[in-house]
Structure formats: structure tokens, C-alpha cells
C-alpha atoms as a PDB file:
ATOM      1  CA  MET A   1      -0.156  -0.116  -0.142  1.00  0.00           C
ATOM      2  CA  SER A   2       1.540   3.220  -1.042  1.00  0.00           C
ATOM      3  CA  PHE A   3       0.729   6.770   0.185  1.00  0.00           C
ATOM      4  CA  LYS A   4       1.799  10.469  -0.565  1.00  0.00           C
ATOM      5  CA  VAL A   5       4.201  11.976   2.155  1.00  0.00           C
ATOM      6  CA  ARG A   6       5.229  15.780   2.039  1.00  0.00           C
ATOM      7  CA  ILE A   7       8.511  16.507   3.737  1.00  0.00           C
ATOM      8  CA  TRP A   8       9.069  20.033   5.280  1.00  0.00           C
ATOM      9  CA  LEU A   9      12.743  20.696   5.816  1.00  0.00           C
ATOM     10  CA  TRP A  10      14.193  23.974   7.465  1.00  0.00           C
ATOM     11  CA  SER A  11      17.322  25.417   8.498  1.00  0.00           C
ATOM     12  CA  THR A  12      19.312  28.464   9.166  1.00  0.00           C
ATOM     13  CA  ASN A  13      22.695  26.592   7.476  1.00  0.00           C
ATOM     14  CA  VAL A  14      21.834  26.124   3.955  1.00  0.00           C
ATOM     15  CA  LYS A  15      24.662  23.808   3.036  1.00  0.00           C
ATOM     16  CA  SER A  16      23.568  21.486   5.803  1.00  0.00           C
ATOM     17  CA  LEU A  17      19.935  21.661   4.673  1.00  0.00           C
ATOM     18  CA  GLU A  18      20.898  20.797   1.043  1.00  0.00           C
ATOM     19  CA  GLU A  19      22.951  17.776   2.256  1.00  0.00           C
ATOM     20  CA  VAL A  20      20.202  16.162   4.154  1.00  0.00           C
ATOM     21  CA  VAL A  21      17.919  17.020   1.047  1.00  0.00           C
ATOM     22  CA  ASP A  22      20.176  15.104  -1.286  1.00  0.00           C
ATOM     23  CA  GLN A  23      20.306  12.012   1.216  1.00  0.00           C
ATOM     24  CA  ILE A  24      16.410  11.974   1.497  1.00  0.00           C
ATOM     25  CA  LYS A  25      16.182  12.303  -2.357  1.00  0.00           C
ATOM     26  CA  ASP A  26      18.759   9.290  -2.932  1.00  0.00           C
ATOM     27  CA  ALA A  27      17.267   7.069  -0.546  1.00  0.00           C
ATOM     28  CA  ALA A  28      13.944   7.539  -2.058  1.00  0.00           C
ATOM     29  CA  ILE A  29      14.954   7.164  -5.615  1.00  0.00           C
ATOM     30  CA  LYS A  30      16.842   3.995  -4.716  1.00  0.00           C
ATOM     31  CA  SER A  31      13.992   2.546  -3.129  1.00  0.00           C
ATOM     32  CA  GLY A  32      11.901   3.145  -6.350  1.00  0.00           C
ATOM     33  CA  ALA A  33       9.587   5.703  -5.140  1.00  0.00           C
ATOM     34  CA  LYS A  34       8.485   8.704  -7.234  1.00  0.00           C
ATOM     35  CA  VAL A  35      10.057  11.953  -5.604  1.00  0.00           C
ATOM     36  CA  THR A  36       8.721  15.608  -6.507  1.00  0.00           C
ATOM     37  CA  GLY A  37      11.010  18.132  -5.542  1.00  0.00           C
ATOM     38  CA  PRO A  38      13.188  19.841  -3.669  1.00  0.00           C
ATOM     39  CA  ILE A  39      11.029  22.777  -4.093  1.00  0.00           C
ATOM     40  CA  PRO A  40      12.779  25.908  -2.687  1.00  0.00           C
ATOM     41  CA  LEU A  41      10.318  27.952  -0.575  1.00  0.00           C
ATOM     42  CA  PRO A  42      11.218  31.702   0.164  1.00  0.00           C
ATOM     43  CA  THR A  43      13.807  32.369   2.465  1.00  0.00           C
ATOM     44  CA  LYS A  44      12.536  34.247   5.809  1.00  0.00           C
ATOM     45  CA  ARG A  45      14.672  37.211   6.859  1.00  0.00           C
ATOM     46  CA  PHE A  46      14.930  38.333  10.098  1.00  0.00           C
ATOM     47  CA  GLU A  47      16.692  41.596  10.814  1.00  0.00           C
ATOM     48  CA  ILE A  48      17.268  42.863  14.475  1.00  0.00           C
ATOM     49  CA  PRO A  49      18.776  46.308  14.759  1.00  0.00           C
ATOM     50  CA  ILE A  50      20.444  47.219  18.246  1.00  0.00           C
ATOM     51  CA  PHE A  51      21.320  50.301  19.591  1.00  0.00           C
ATOM     52  CA  LYS A  52      24.994  50.529  20.619  1.00  0.00           C
ATOM     53  CA  LEU A  53      25.803  53.060  23.056  1.00  0.00           C
ATOM     54  CA  PRO A  54      29.024  54.667  22.999  1.00  0.00           C
ATOM     55  CA  HIS A  55      31.917  54.093  26.036  1.00  0.00           C
ATOM     56  CA  GLY A  56      33.076  57.209  26.975  1.00  0.00           C
ATOM     57  CA  GLU A  57      33.564  59.800  23.617  1.00  0.00           C
ATOM     58  CA  GLY A  58      32.105  58.744  20.527  1.00  0.00           C
ATOM     59  CA  SER A  59      29.006  58.677  18.277  1.00  0.00           C
ATOM     60  CA  LYS A  60      26.032  56.384  18.878  1.00  0.00           C
ATOM     61  CA  TYR A  61      25.423  53.961  16.209  1.00  0.00           C
ATOM     62  CA  TRP A  62      23.055  50.825  15.383  1.00  0.00           C
ATOM     63  CA  GLU A  63      24.293  47.229  14.766  1.00  0.00           C
ATOM     64  CA  HIS A  64      22.354  45.224  12.534  1.00  0.00           C
ATOM     65  CA  TRP A  65      21.905  41.368  13.096  1.00  0.00           C
ATOM     66  CA  GLU A  66      20.341  39.168  10.609  1.00  0.00           C
ATOM     67  CA  LEU A  67      18.918  35.595  10.652  1.00  0.00           C
ATOM     68  CA  ARG A  68      17.858  33.654   7.548  1.00  0.00           C
ATOM     69  CA  VAL A  69      15.549  30.638   7.499  1.00  0.00           C
ATOM     70  CA  HIS A  70      15.893  28.226   4.299  1.00  0.00           C
ATOM     71  CA  LYS A  71      13.005  26.175   3.708  1.00  0.00           C
ATOM     72  CA  ARG A  72      12.594  23.144   1.058  1.00  0.00           C
ATOM     73  CA  ILE A  73       9.526  20.869   0.801  1.00  0.00           C
ATOM     74  CA  ILE A  74       9.724  17.314  -0.861  1.00  0.00           C
ATOM     75  CA  ASP A  75       6.763  15.159  -2.046  1.00  0.00           C
ATOM     76  CA  ILE A  76       7.394  11.314  -1.992  1.00  0.00           C
ATOM     77  CA  ASP A  77       4.810   8.640  -3.257  1.00  0.00           C
ATOM     78  CA  ALA A  78       6.152   5.977  -0.582  1.00  0.00           C
ATOM     79  CA  ASP A  79       5.264   2.923   1.233  1.00  0.00           C
ATOM     80  CA  GLU A  80       6.466   1.736   4.591  1.00  0.00           C
ATOM     81  CA  ARG A  81       9.937   0.234   3.326  1.00  0.00           C
ATOM     82  CA  VAL A  82      10.650   3.954   1.432  1.00  0.00           C
ATOM     83  CA  LEU A  83       9.913   5.683   5.074  1.00  0.00           C
ATOM     84  CA  ARG A  84      12.053   3.208   7.075  1.00  0.00           C
ATOM     85  CA  ARG A  85      14.850   4.043   4.831  1.00  0.00           C
ATOM     86  CA  ILE A  86      14.250   7.844   4.853  1.00  0.00           C
ATOM     87  CA  MET A  87      14.075   7.673   8.774  1.00  0.00           C
ATOM     88  CA  ARG A  88      17.755   6.445   8.900  1.00  0.00           C
ATOM     89  CA  VAL A  89      19.126   9.614   7.536  1.00  0.00           C
ATOM     90  CA  GLN A  90      21.482  11.243   9.715  1.00  0.00           C
ATOM     91  CA  VAL A  91      20.049  14.768  10.485  1.00  0.00           C
ATOM     92  CA  PRO A  92      22.504  17.419  11.816  1.00  0.00           C
ATOM     93  CA  HIS A  93      21.331  19.456  14.899  1.00  0.00           C
ATOM     94  CA  ASP A  94      20.722  22.376  12.903  1.00  0.00           C
ATOM     95  CA  VAL A  95      18.136  21.062  10.321  1.00  0.00           C
ATOM     96  CA  TYR A  96      14.395  20.454  11.587  1.00  0.00           C
ATOM     97  CA  ILE A  97      12.239  18.139   9.560  1.00  0.00           C
ATOM     98  CA  GLU A  98       8.255  17.796   9.442  1.00  0.00           C
ATOM     99  CA  ILE A  99       6.668  14.778   7.623  1.00  0.00           C
ATOM    100  CA  LYS A 100       2.986  14.335   7.040  1.00  0.00           C
ATOM    101  CA  GLN A 101       0.756  11.841   5.271  1.00  0.00           C
ATOM    102  CA  MET A 102      -1.297  13.592   2.769  1.00  0.00           C
ATOM    103  CA  PRO A 103      -4.528  12.402   1.051  1.00  0.00           C
ATOM    104  CA  LYS A 104      -3.584  10.478  -2.316  1.00  0.00           C
END
């Protein structure tokens, strides 16, 4: 029995995100499942301005910190065997994954 699975991945480190996406895609293709994606979603960009006070003489200025969250979606027509193989993929601590079964 096969069903459709949607995998959402997101991370602040795009290099480790792409490595995990490639591993998942390779595991699914080797198992013979139909794979759609990875589909890149828009990158969320958070900018935080911080007011920096001068110490003694000097002018006041703002520091800007930025955080980018990169996202990908992969759709797989899978069975239990394929999902077990995908679950064995080593995921770094800075990559987050959400797996949902979609109606076919």
C-alpha cells in the first residue's frame, strides 16, 4: 500500500539543509519511489537592529543582526519500506524536519 508523504525541511544553515535534502532524495530514488522536489520556498529574513551606546567619547550607532531561515519541500509517493529508509538519514542538529501523510 502506497501513500503520499510531504517532507518539510528548514534550517539557518543552507549547506547542511542541502546535504539532508540530497540524502533523502537519494534514499527515496534508490527505493524506487516517485520523488517531486526539492521545492525551495522563500527564505525568511529576520533583521534585528540593536542600539549600541558609546563608551566615553564617540558617536552612537546601530548594529544590525540578521537571521535567514531556508526551507524546502519534498513530495514522495512512498510505502513503509521507503519511509524506514528515509528515517535512517543522519540529520544535523541545525536542520528541522516535519513529515506528514497527505491524501492521495
